[in-house]
Every structure is written in structure tokens, then in C-alpha cells.
Amino acid sequence: MKSWQGKRYWLVGASAGLGEALAHKLSRAGVEVVVSARSKDKLADLVAALPGKASYQTIDVQDIDSVRSAVEKVGDVDGIVYLAGAYWPFGAKKWEADHATAMIDVNLTGLVRVLGEIVPDMVEKDAGHIVITSSLTAFRGLPNSIGYTASKAGTMSLAECMYADLRKTGVQVQVINPGFIKTQLTDKNDFKMPFLMEPEEAAQEVFDHMSGDSFKKSFPFGFSLLFRIAQFLPDGLYYRLFG
């Protein structure tokens, strides 16, 4: 179990939803929290509401100059949590090229931009904590999920590669794979979302994971079993069940 008191963590993509809820969890645990997103007003309101020491820095993860400027202004941190995400539901029959590109760019390439400015310093110091947000959708392709599922499969693969490289160093890498969380992103869905979680409930899952030493956490547990088992189904059976 980690000691959180006096630590400094940077949450990228924390102006609402899971990021906002996690900022509150960490702040109450004694962490100095730096929150980032594009909206200055939302970040300022969040910082004012947090119980502990906190600050904000705007960032656009799609712009490398913005990323580099934010990294310089934020300065040294003990850990970083990447929560930035974009989502629009559509399938290959009604392809939305701009939305597909944006999801890949925010969810995956944005993560790579940020980590490219953070990881080398942590490796040099042999200290740090990196938490990457993937999704249950990352385990296998799904219908009506062009862009999003591909981006999350990429984030999971990236996390696995980083863990393989850094697991015997002082840099801890973790990945979270949430199911449906009630946010402005899932509000776009017009279908039933099983085991829909409130942000505060999901944030507790993430905080508990961050407090431990395990690499990967998929939640909610029962729902996640469906996705993990689905990896091993033959294609014909899988697409009949999930199509």
C-alpha cells in the first residue's frame, strides 16, 4: 500500500467525469494534484473545489507544442494519470472520418505525445508512476466502435510494452480498463449500457488499483469477465454473440 501524503500527481484529462472524481480521491488522500485539460474555466472550478493543495495547467494533447509547454510548466511529478479521451459511436457502414481520426489522436497518439515528454525523465531518475486509461473494449473488436476500440487496444498494447520494459525498475506502470462510466462521452450512446458506473464509484476502483502493485485492472469485475473470456472464443462464435 502506497503512502500518498506529500506526493505530486498530474492528471491529464481531468476537468470532468472520472478524472474529476479521481482528483478528489487523490486530494483527500494528501496528494498535491495538478489537473489538465483544454477548458481553463472547468479546471479552475475543480481546483477551487479540491480539499488539498492543487493547481491546473491547460493542455491540448493533439498539439505537441502545447504538450511540451504544459510539461515544462507542471514540472516534477511523482506520477501521471492519462485520462484524456474522445468518443463518438459509429460503425464502418457509416464511417465518420474526422471523428475516427480524432479518437485515435486523443486517446492513443495524445498519450504517446505526453509520455514522450515524461517517461525519459522518470527512467533517468529510476522513479515514477504512470497510469494509463484503456477500456474493456480493448480486448477484442466490437460493432459500431470504429476509432474508439482501435485506440483503446493501442493504449493497452502500449501499456503492456512499457510494463515489459520497466517492471524491474523504479518506474511503475499500470493500466485500467473500465466498463461504462456515466460521463458526457457515454451520454452519446443510445443503447443500454450494462453495469453503468458513476464516476465516483469508478474513481474508487482506480484509486484502489493505484494504491497497489498489480499491473492491470479491469472493472467492474463481473462485466470484465465477459470481455476477457471473449478473447478466446472462435471468430464465428464471437461475432454471432457480439455482432
Protein backbone atom coordinates (compact mmCIF):
# COMPACT_ATOMS: atom_id res chain seq x y z
CA MET A 1 0.00 0.00 0.00
CA LYS A 2 1.42 3.36 -1.04
CA SER A 3 1.90 6.36 1.17
CA TRP A 4 0.15 9.21 -0.64
CA GLN A 5 0.92 12.07 1.72
CA GLY A 6 3.06 14.73 0.07
CA LYS A 7 3.09 13.10 -3.38
CA ARG A 8 2.53 15.18 -6.52
CA TYR A 9 0.43 13.73 -9.34
CA TRP A 10 -0.54 15.13 -12.74
CA LEU A 11 -3.95 14.13 -14.10
CA VAL A 12 -4.26 14.75 -17.83
CA GLY A 13 -7.90 14.90 -18.89
CA ALA A 14 -9.36 15.76 -15.51
CA SER A 15 -11.90 18.56 -15.99
CA ALA A 16 -14.93 16.25 -15.61
CA GLY A 17 -16.08 12.65 -15.18
CA LEU A 18 -13.62 10.04 -13.95
CA GLY A 19 -10.70 12.49 -13.92
CA GLU A 20 -12.54 14.97 -11.74
CA ALA A 21 -13.66 12.24 -9.33
CA LEU A 22 -10.15 10.78 -9.12
CA ALA A 23 -8.70 14.24 -8.43
CA HIS A 24 -10.94 14.44 -5.37
CA LYS A 25 -9.89 10.96 -4.20
CA LEU A 26 -6.19 11.76 -4.50
CA SER A 27 -6.55 15.20 -2.95
CA ARG A 28 -8.34 13.77 0.09
CA ALA A 29 -5.51 11.23 0.44
CA GLY A 30 -2.94 14.02 0.79
CA VAL A 31 -1.71 14.24 -2.81
CA GLU A 32 -0.84 17.56 -4.41
CA VAL A 33 -2.88 17.36 -7.59
CA VAL A 34 -2.20 19.09 -10.90
CA VAL A 35 -5.16 18.82 -13.27
CA SER A 36 -5.05 19.43 -17.00
CA ALA A 37 -7.49 19.63 -19.90
CA ARG A 38 -8.37 22.23 -22.52
CA SER A 39 -11.02 24.12 -20.54
CA LYS A 40 -9.43 26.68 -18.22
CA ASP A 41 -12.73 27.55 -16.52
CA LYS A 42 -13.60 23.95 -15.64
CA LEU A 43 -10.09 23.33 -14.33
CA ALA A 44 -10.19 26.47 -12.19
CA ASP A 45 -13.53 25.40 -10.70
CA LEU A 46 -12.17 21.93 -9.95
CA VAL A 47 -9.04 23.26 -8.25
CA ALA A 48 -11.18 25.55 -6.09
CA ALA A 49 -13.29 22.56 -5.01
CA LEU A 50 -10.42 20.23 -4.11
CA PRO A 51 -9.67 19.91 -0.38
CA GLY A 52 -5.87 19.85 -0.68
CA LYS A 53 -3.09 21.65 -2.48
CA ALA A 54 -3.89 21.77 -6.18
CA SER A 55 -3.23 23.68 -9.38
CA TYR A 56 -4.13 23.45 -13.04
CA GLN A 57 -2.44 23.71 -16.41
CA THR A 58 -4.28 23.77 -19.72
CA ILE A 59 -3.16 21.32 -22.38
CA ASP A 60 -4.18 20.18 -25.84
CA VAL A 61 -2.86 16.64 -26.23
CA GLN A 62 -3.27 16.92 -30.02
CA ASP A 63 -0.67 19.70 -30.16
CA ILE A 64 2.95 18.77 -29.35
CA ASP A 65 3.88 22.38 -28.60
CA SER A 66 1.05 22.58 -26.07
CA VAL A 67 2.17 19.28 -24.52
CA ARG A 68 5.77 20.41 -24.20
CA SER A 69 4.76 23.75 -22.72
CA ALA A 70 2.49 22.04 -20.18
CA VAL A 71 5.19 19.55 -19.16
CA GLU A 72 7.64 22.40 -18.57
CA LYS A 73 5.15 24.42 -16.54
CA VAL A 74 3.93 21.49 -14.45
CA GLY A 75 7.48 20.49 -13.52
CA ASP A 76 8.48 17.45 -11.49
CA VAL A 77 5.76 14.97 -10.54
CA ASP A 78 5.74 11.65 -8.73
CA GLY A 79 3.13 10.24 -11.06
CA ILE A 80 0.94 10.89 -14.07
CA VAL A 81 -2.53 9.56 -14.91
CA TYR A 82 -3.64 9.84 -18.55
CA LEU A 83 -7.43 10.14 -18.69
CA ALA A 84 -7.93 12.29 -21.80
CA GLY A 85 -10.46 10.72 -24.11
CA ALA A 86 -12.61 11.33 -27.17
CA TYR A 87 -15.57 9.22 -28.23
CA TRP A 88 -18.23 9.10 -30.93
CA PRO A 89 -20.20 5.87 -31.56
CA PHE A 90 -20.38 4.73 -35.18
CA GLY A 91 -19.55 1.75 -37.34
CA ALA A 92 -17.92 1.02 -40.67
CA LYS A 93 -21.22 1.30 -42.58
CA LYS A 94 -21.47 4.98 -41.62
CA TRP A 95 -17.81 5.91 -41.31
CA GLU A 96 -17.09 9.32 -39.77
CA ALA A 97 -13.52 10.03 -40.86
CA ASP A 98 -12.90 13.16 -38.78
CA HIS A 99 -14.27 11.57 -35.61
CA ALA A 100 -12.30 8.36 -36.14
CA THR A 101 -9.09 10.33 -36.58
CA ALA A 102 -9.80 12.49 -33.53
CA MET A 103 -10.37 9.45 -31.31
CA ILE A 104 -7.09 7.87 -32.36
CA ASP A 105 -5.30 11.19 -31.95
CA VAL A 106 -6.60 11.99 -28.46
CA ASN A 107 -6.83 8.51 -26.97
CA LEU A 108 -3.63 6.99 -28.34
CA THR A 109 -1.37 9.48 -30.12
CA GLY A 110 -2.02 12.12 -27.44
CA LEU A 111 -0.92 9.60 -24.82
CA VAL A 112 2.27 8.95 -26.80
CA ARG A 113 2.95 12.69 -27.06
CA VAL A 114 2.60 13.18 -23.31
CA LEU A 115 4.58 10.10 -22.31
CA GLY A 116 7.34 11.02 -24.74
CA GLU A 117 7.97 14.12 -22.64
CA ILE A 118 7.60 12.37 -19.26
CA VAL A 119 9.00 8.84 -19.44
CA PRO A 120 12.66 9.62 -20.24
CA ASP A 121 13.00 11.75 -17.11
CA MET A 122 11.37 9.08 -14.93
CA VAL A 123 13.65 6.42 -16.40
CA GLU A 124 16.71 8.59 -15.73
CA LYS A 125 15.62 9.09 -12.11
CA ASP A 126 14.53 5.45 -11.82
CA ALA A 127 11.36 6.67 -10.10
CA GLY A 128 7.81 7.44 -11.14
CA HIS A 129 4.28 6.14 -11.52
CA ILE A 130 2.43 6.01 -14.85
CA VAL A 131 -1.27 5.12 -15.04
CA ILE A 132 -2.82 4.62 -18.49
CA THR A 133 -6.55 4.52 -19.19
CA SER A 134 -7.64 1.86 -21.65
CA SER A 135 -11.06 0.18 -21.76
CA LEU A 136 -12.83 -3.17 -21.69
CA THR A 137 -13.40 -2.64 -25.41
CA ALA A 138 -9.66 -3.08 -25.94
CA PHE A 139 -9.82 -6.85 -25.55
CA ARG A 140 -11.49 -7.51 -28.92
CA GLY A 141 -13.17 -5.70 -31.82
CA LEU A 142 -16.80 -4.64 -31.36
CA PRO A 143 -19.54 -3.44 -33.71
CA ASN A 144 -20.22 0.30 -34.08
CA SER A 145 -16.92 1.15 -32.44
CA ILE A 146 -14.68 2.37 -35.26
CA GLY A 147 -11.88 4.50 -33.88
CA TYR A 148 -12.58 4.14 -30.19
CA THR A 149 -11.93 0.42 -29.78
CA ALA A 150 -8.86 0.61 -32.01
CA SER A 151 -7.45 3.49 -29.96
CA LYS A 152 -8.04 1.67 -26.68
CA ALA A 153 -6.49 -1.54 -27.98
CA GLY A 154 -3.47 0.60 -28.80
CA THR A 155 -3.32 2.09 -25.31
CA MET A 156 -3.48 -1.36 -23.73
CA SER A 157 -0.72 -2.65 -26.00
CA LEU A 158 1.41 0.41 -25.25
CA ALA A 159 0.95 -0.12 -21.51
CA GLU A 160 1.89 -3.79 -21.84
CA CYS A 161 5.06 -2.93 -23.76
CA MET A 162 6.02 -0.30 -21.19
CA TYR A 163 5.39 -2.71 -18.33
CA ALA A 164 7.57 -5.33 -20.01
CA ASP A 165 10.39 -2.79 -20.28
CA LEU A 166 10.06 -1.12 -16.87
CA ARG A 167 8.70 -3.75 -14.49
CA LYS A 168 12.12 -4.32 -12.86
CA THR A 169 12.89 -0.61 -12.49
CA GLY A 170 11.71 2.11 -10.13
CA VAL A 171 9.10 3.27 -12.65
CA GLN A 172 5.73 1.65 -12.02
CA VAL A 173 3.36 1.24 -14.98
CA GLN A 174 -0.32 0.43 -14.52
CA VAL A 175 -3.31 0.25 -16.85
CA ILE A 176 -7.02 0.48 -16.08
CA ASN A 177 -9.76 -1.00 -18.26
CA PRO A 178 -13.11 0.45 -17.20
CA GLY A 179 -16.51 -0.51 -18.50
CA PHE A 180 -19.27 2.06 -18.94
CA ILE A 181 -18.93 5.17 -16.78
CA LYS A 182 -21.65 7.83 -16.75
CA THR A 183 -19.98 10.84 -18.36
CA GLN A 184 -20.59 13.30 -21.18
CA LEU A 185 -19.00 10.73 -23.50
CA THR A 186 -21.32 7.83 -22.65
CA ASP A 187 -24.28 10.23 -22.79
CA LYS A 188 -23.83 9.96 -26.58
CA ASN A 189 -24.85 6.30 -26.51
CA ASP A 190 -28.41 5.38 -27.48
CA PHE A 191 -28.17 1.76 -26.28
CA LYS A 192 -28.44 0.09 -22.90
CA MET A 193 -25.12 0.15 -21.03
CA PRO A 194 -24.81 -2.81 -18.63
CA PHE A 195 -23.21 -2.17 -15.23
CA LEU A 196 -23.08 1.61 -15.84
CA MET A 197 -20.92 3.14 -13.08
CA GLU A 198 -20.99 6.59 -11.53
CA PRO A 199 -17.67 8.46 -11.80
CA GLU A 200 -17.11 8.34 -8.03
CA GLU A 201 -17.52 4.54 -7.99
CA ALA A 202 -15.11 4.14 -10.88
CA ALA A 203 -12.63 6.54 -9.27
CA GLN A 204 -12.55 4.36 -6.15
CA GLU A 205 -11.66 1.36 -8.35
CA VAL A 206 -8.84 3.34 -9.94
CA PHE A 207 -7.56 4.69 -6.63
CA ASP A 208 -7.51 1.20 -5.11
CA HIS A 209 -5.56 -0.06 -8.12
CA MET A 210 -3.10 2.81 -7.92
CA SER A 211 -2.55 2.06 -4.25
CA GLY A 212 -1.33 -1.44 -5.04
CA ASP A 213 1.38 -3.07 -7.11
CA SER A 214 -0.55 -5.02 -9.76
CA PHE A 215 -0.26 -4.01 -13.40
CA LYS A 216 -3.72 -4.33 -14.92
CA LYS A 217 -7.23 -3.84 -13.55
CA SER A 218 -10.44 -4.43 -15.49
CA PHE A 219 -13.72 -3.40 -13.91
CA PRO A 220 -16.50 -3.85 -12.97
CA PHE A 221 -15.29 -7.37 -12.28
CA GLY A 222 -18.29 -9.40 -13.45
CA PHE A 223 -18.72 -7.42 -16.66
CA SER A 224 -14.99 -7.55 -17.37
CA LEU A 225 -15.03 -11.37 -17.29
CA LEU A 226 -17.25 -11.36 -20.36
CA PHE A 227 -14.69 -9.36 -22.34
CA ARG A 228 -11.70 -11.34 -21.13
CA ILE A 229 -13.30 -14.69 -21.91
CA ALA A 230 -14.37 -13.38 -25.33
CA GLN A 231 -10.70 -13.17 -26.35
CA PHE A 232 -10.57 -16.96 -26.53
CA LEU A 233 -13.77 -17.60 -28.49
CA PRO A 234 -13.52 -18.74 -32.13
CA ASP A 235 -14.30 -15.94 -34.59
CA GLY A 236 -17.55 -17.49 -35.78
CA LEU A 237 -18.97 -17.84 -32.27
CA TYR A 238 -17.65 -14.48 -31.09
CA TYR A 239 -19.21 -12.46 -33.89
CA ARG A 240 -22.53 -14.26 -33.57
CA LEU A 241 -22.66 -13.38 -29.88
CA PHE A 242 -21.25 -9.83 -30.07
CA GLY A 243 -22.41 -8.77 -33.52
